[in-house]
Amino acid sequence: MGAEQDRRPAAPAAAPAGSAPSTALAELEQADAAVSGPQRAREFRELLRGNPRALYRDGGPRHLTASAIVIDRPGDHVALVWHRKGRFWVQPGGHLDPGERSLELAARREVAEEIGITGFERLGEGPAMLHRHGLDAAFGSCAEHWDVQYLLRAPAPAAELPLTVSEESVEVRWVPWPLRGSGPERDTSALPEGTVPDLAATLDALAGHLARWSA
């Protein structure tokens, strides 16, 4: 329980209109155990049940996205990408592609595309954090992302896993995320200037989750 290796199945057909994708809903059921809490998980499920197209970019101004807080094997570093459109440092992630129904597999695909790493262990039974954030005019018709975030552990230390850039992520880096004393709290002071403002709070919230699932 808690570990799931990277899989890349063929994309299934899109969900019929008016039918909430069962895979995504099942994943959001698992999000009751996320650090964001069961009430937030219910809100995400209600959005998807009320608007099944909210799983995709064209699902209206408020829609779901999938991302991952990627840590190295020891858990002492977190991978960040420079978002060209947003002009900030953030974890890898993005919209689901047409036909995708799994939020986790979409997050894993985005990570592979944006930093060039696969073979992760998922820490936890499902999503680790559900996060909502508004967007500025640079994101066009996207007004608010309801982001489903997984905590994924890479198969080796950061020093052994060079990251690769992509069209969307013109710069990538491993950032130190060391323990404070004996933990489980971790130090976010190494986050670079320009990091999306709420990422430090997300990492603070996930430190205990990491300790629990690494025990």
Protein backbone atom coordinates (compact mmCIF):
# COMPACT_ATOMS: atom_id res chain seq x y z
CA MET A 1 0.00 0.00 0.00
CA GLY A 2 1.28 3.48 -0.85
CA ALA A 3 3.65 2.49 -3.66
CA GLU A 4 2.67 2.45 -7.29
CA GLN A 5 5.17 2.24 -10.10
CA ASP A 6 4.98 4.46 -13.17
CA ARG A 7 2.62 3.10 -15.84
CA ARG A 8 1.88 4.53 -19.26
CA PRO A 9 -1.25 2.82 -20.66
CA ALA A 10 -2.87 3.90 -23.89
CA ALA A 11 -5.26 6.80 -23.33
CA PRO A 12 -8.89 5.63 -22.99
CA ALA A 13 -11.76 7.25 -24.82
CA ALA A 14 -13.13 10.44 -23.32
CA ALA A 15 -15.92 10.13 -20.78
CA PRO A 16 -19.43 10.55 -22.20
CA ALA A 17 -21.05 13.95 -21.73
CA GLY A 18 -22.87 14.13 -18.41
CA SER A 19 -20.95 11.21 -16.91
CA ALA A 20 -18.25 11.98 -14.33
CA PRO A 21 -15.12 9.89 -15.09
CA SER A 22 -15.13 7.03 -12.59
CA THR A 23 -11.32 6.77 -12.35
CA ALA A 24 -10.88 10.42 -11.41
CA LEU A 25 -13.76 10.25 -8.94
CA ALA A 26 -12.24 7.19 -7.29
CA GLU A 27 -8.94 9.03 -6.95
CA LEU A 28 -10.74 11.97 -5.37
CA GLU A 29 -12.39 9.57 -2.92
CA GLN A 30 -8.85 8.67 -1.82
CA ALA A 31 -8.16 12.37 -1.30
CA ASP A 32 -10.16 12.32 1.96
CA ALA A 33 -6.82 11.31 3.54
CA ALA A 34 -4.89 14.18 1.92
CA VAL A 35 -3.47 16.88 4.19
CA SER A 36 -6.03 19.30 2.73
CA GLY A 37 -8.78 17.32 4.47
CA PRO A 38 -12.04 15.55 3.57
CA GLN A 39 -14.11 18.73 3.12
CA ARG A 40 -11.83 19.93 0.32
CA ALA A 41 -12.01 16.45 -1.25
CA ARG A 42 -15.83 16.62 -1.22
CA GLU A 43 -15.71 20.00 -2.96
CA PHE A 44 -13.49 18.60 -5.71
CA ARG A 45 -15.81 15.63 -6.21
CA GLU A 46 -18.83 17.95 -6.35
CA LEU A 47 -17.14 20.04 -9.05
CA LEU A 48 -16.47 16.97 -11.18
CA ARG A 49 -19.90 15.43 -10.65
CA GLY A 50 -21.59 18.72 -11.53
CA ASN A 51 -19.39 19.28 -14.59
CA PRO A 52 -17.64 16.17 -15.94
CA ARG A 53 -15.77 18.31 -18.48
CA ALA A 54 -14.04 20.04 -15.56
CA LEU A 55 -11.49 17.24 -15.85
CA TYR A 56 -10.13 19.03 -18.92
CA ARG A 57 -8.89 22.45 -19.98
CA ASP A 58 -12.09 23.16 -21.96
CA GLY A 59 -14.30 22.41 -18.96
CA GLY A 60 -14.92 26.03 -18.06
CA PRO A 61 -12.93 28.70 -16.21
CA ARG A 62 -12.69 26.45 -13.12
CA HIS A 63 -11.27 23.01 -13.86
CA LEU A 64 -9.00 20.30 -12.51
CA THR A 65 -5.28 19.97 -13.06
CA ALA A 66 -2.79 17.36 -11.83
CA SER A 67 0.70 17.92 -10.45
CA ALA A 68 3.32 16.29 -8.27
CA ILE A 69 5.60 17.33 -5.48
CA VAL A 70 8.64 15.35 -6.62
CA ILE A 71 11.28 14.51 -4.03
CA ASP A 72 14.49 12.58 -4.39
CA ARG A 73 14.96 9.18 -2.74
CA PRO A 74 16.24 10.53 0.62
CA GLY A 75 13.52 13.19 0.62
CA ASP A 76 16.05 15.99 1.03
CA HIS A 77 15.39 17.73 -2.31
CA VAL A 78 12.30 18.80 -4.24
CA ALA A 79 12.18 19.28 -8.02
CA LEU A 80 10.99 22.64 -9.36
CA VAL A 81 10.39 23.94 -12.87
CA TRP A 82 10.38 27.51 -14.16
CA HIS A 83 6.91 28.05 -15.62
CA ARG A 84 7.41 30.10 -18.76
CA LYS A 85 3.85 31.44 -18.96
CA GLY A 86 3.43 32.16 -15.27
CA ARG A 87 7.01 33.35 -14.73
CA PHE A 88 7.44 31.49 -11.44
CA TRP A 89 9.06 28.40 -9.92
CA VAL A 90 6.55 25.63 -9.22
CA GLN A 91 6.18 21.84 -9.08
CA PRO A 92 5.68 20.00 -12.42
CA GLY A 93 2.09 19.50 -13.52
CA GLY A 94 -0.65 20.69 -15.83
CA HIS A 95 -3.90 19.89 -17.60
CA LEU A 96 -5.11 16.41 -18.43
CA ASP A 97 -4.87 15.50 -22.09
CA PRO A 98 -8.09 14.68 -23.98
CA GLY A 99 -9.14 11.14 -23.11
CA GLU A 100 -7.13 10.90 -19.89
CA ARG A 101 -9.24 9.89 -16.90
CA SER A 102 -6.62 9.30 -14.21
CA LEU A 103 -5.33 12.31 -12.32
CA GLU A 104 -2.35 10.36 -11.03
CA LEU A 105 -1.28 9.10 -14.45
CA ALA A 106 -1.66 12.62 -15.82
CA ALA A 107 0.58 13.95 -13.03
CA ARG A 108 3.17 11.26 -13.78
CA ARG A 109 3.04 12.08 -17.51
CA GLU A 110 3.54 15.78 -16.79
CA VAL A 111 6.54 15.01 -14.57
CA ALA A 112 8.12 12.81 -17.25
CA GLU A 113 7.58 15.51 -19.87
CA GLU A 114 8.77 18.43 -17.75
CA ILE A 115 11.77 17.03 -15.87
CA GLY A 116 12.53 13.73 -17.63
CA ILE A 117 12.17 11.29 -14.71
CA THR A 118 9.94 8.21 -14.30
CA GLY A 119 9.76 5.22 -11.97
CA PHE A 120 8.35 7.03 -8.93
CA GLU A 121 6.95 5.66 -5.71
CA ARG A 122 3.73 7.36 -4.65
CA LEU A 123 3.74 8.25 -0.96
CA GLY A 124 0.25 7.83 0.45
CA GLU A 125 -2.87 6.05 -0.69
CA GLY A 126 -3.84 8.78 -3.13
CA PRO A 127 -3.46 12.53 -3.60
CA ALA A 128 -1.39 14.24 -0.92
CA MET A 129 -2.88 17.74 -1.32
CA LEU A 130 -5.83 19.39 -3.05
CA HIS A 131 -5.13 23.02 -3.85
CA ARG A 132 -7.17 25.81 -5.46
CA HIS A 133 -5.58 28.92 -6.91
CA GLY A 134 -6.68 31.80 -9.09
CA LEU A 135 -4.86 32.72 -12.30
CA ASP A 136 -4.03 36.00 -13.99
CA ALA A 137 -4.68 37.08 -17.58
CA ALA A 138 -1.55 35.27 -18.83
CA PHE A 139 -3.49 32.01 -18.52
CA GLY A 140 -6.25 33.06 -20.93
CA SER A 141 -9.62 31.43 -20.28
CA CYS A 142 -8.31 29.53 -17.23
CA ALA A 143 -9.51 31.51 -14.21
CA GLU A 144 -8.99 28.96 -11.43
CA HIS A 145 -7.12 25.67 -11.22
CA TRP A 146 -8.29 22.99 -8.80
CA ASP A 147 -5.00 21.13 -8.56
CA VAL A 148 -4.73 17.49 -7.45
CA GLN A 149 -1.22 17.06 -6.08
CA TYR A 150 0.63 13.78 -5.53
CA LEU A 151 3.78 13.24 -3.49
CA LEU A 152 6.15 11.18 -5.64
CA ARG A 153 9.54 9.88 -4.55
CA ALA A 154 12.22 9.40 -7.19
CA PRO A 155 14.28 6.20 -7.31
CA ALA A 156 17.65 7.80 -6.46
CA PRO A 157 19.25 10.80 -4.74
CA ALA A 158 19.15 14.15 -6.52
CA ALA A 159 22.88 14.00 -7.27
CA GLU A 160 22.27 10.86 -9.37
CA LEU A 161 19.20 12.17 -11.21
CA PRO A 162 19.89 15.13 -13.51
CA LEU A 163 16.71 16.89 -14.60
CA THR A 164 15.96 17.81 -18.21
CA VAL A 165 14.25 20.91 -19.57
CA SER A 166 11.22 21.03 -21.86
CA GLU A 167 9.32 23.58 -23.95
CA GLU A 168 7.18 24.52 -20.96
CA SER A 169 9.96 24.31 -18.38
CA VAL A 170 12.94 26.20 -19.69
CA GLU A 171 14.80 25.76 -16.39
CA VAL A 172 14.60 22.95 -13.83
CA ARG A 173 16.39 22.31 -10.59
CA TRP A 174 16.58 20.22 -7.45
CA VAL A 175 16.11 22.48 -4.41
CA PRO A 176 17.27 21.42 -0.92
CA TRP A 177 14.45 20.57 1.48
CA PRO A 178 16.30 19.35 4.60
CA LEU A 179 14.93 18.35 7.97
CA ARG A 180 14.78 20.91 10.75
CA GLY A 181 16.53 19.19 13.63
CA SER A 182 15.03 15.74 14.10
CA GLY A 183 11.96 16.64 12.03
CA PRO A 184 9.39 15.98 10.72
CA GLU A 185 9.43 19.71 9.92
CA ARG A 186 11.56 20.66 6.94
CA ASP A 187 13.34 23.85 5.93
CA THR A 188 11.98 25.70 2.87
CA SER A 189 14.47 28.60 3.02
CA ALA A 190 16.31 27.34 -0.10
CA LEU A 191 13.27 27.89 -2.34
CA PRO A 192 14.49 30.26 -5.08
CA GLU A 193 13.30 33.81 -5.56
CA GLY A 194 10.23 33.77 -7.76
CA THR A 195 8.77 30.56 -6.29
CA VAL A 196 4.98 30.56 -6.46
CA PRO A 197 3.98 32.14 -3.11
CA ASP A 198 1.98 29.27 -1.64
CA LEU A 199 4.48 26.48 -2.34
CA ALA A 200 6.31 26.92 0.97
CA ALA A 201 3.05 26.39 2.88
CA THR A 202 2.29 23.32 0.79
CA LEU A 203 5.70 21.83 1.58
CA ASP A 204 5.26 22.63 5.27
CA ALA A 205 1.94 20.78 5.24
CA LEU A 206 3.43 17.81 3.37
CA ALA A 207 6.42 17.35 5.70
CA GLY A 208 4.37 15.33 8.16
CA HIS A 209 2.78 13.32 5.33
CA LEU A 210 6.26 12.45 4.08
CA ALA A 211 7.38 11.39 7.56
CA ARG A 212 4.31 9.21 7.99
CA TRP A 213 4.72 7.35 4.71
CA SER A 214 8.49 7.06 4.97
CA ALA A 215 8.38 5.38 8.37
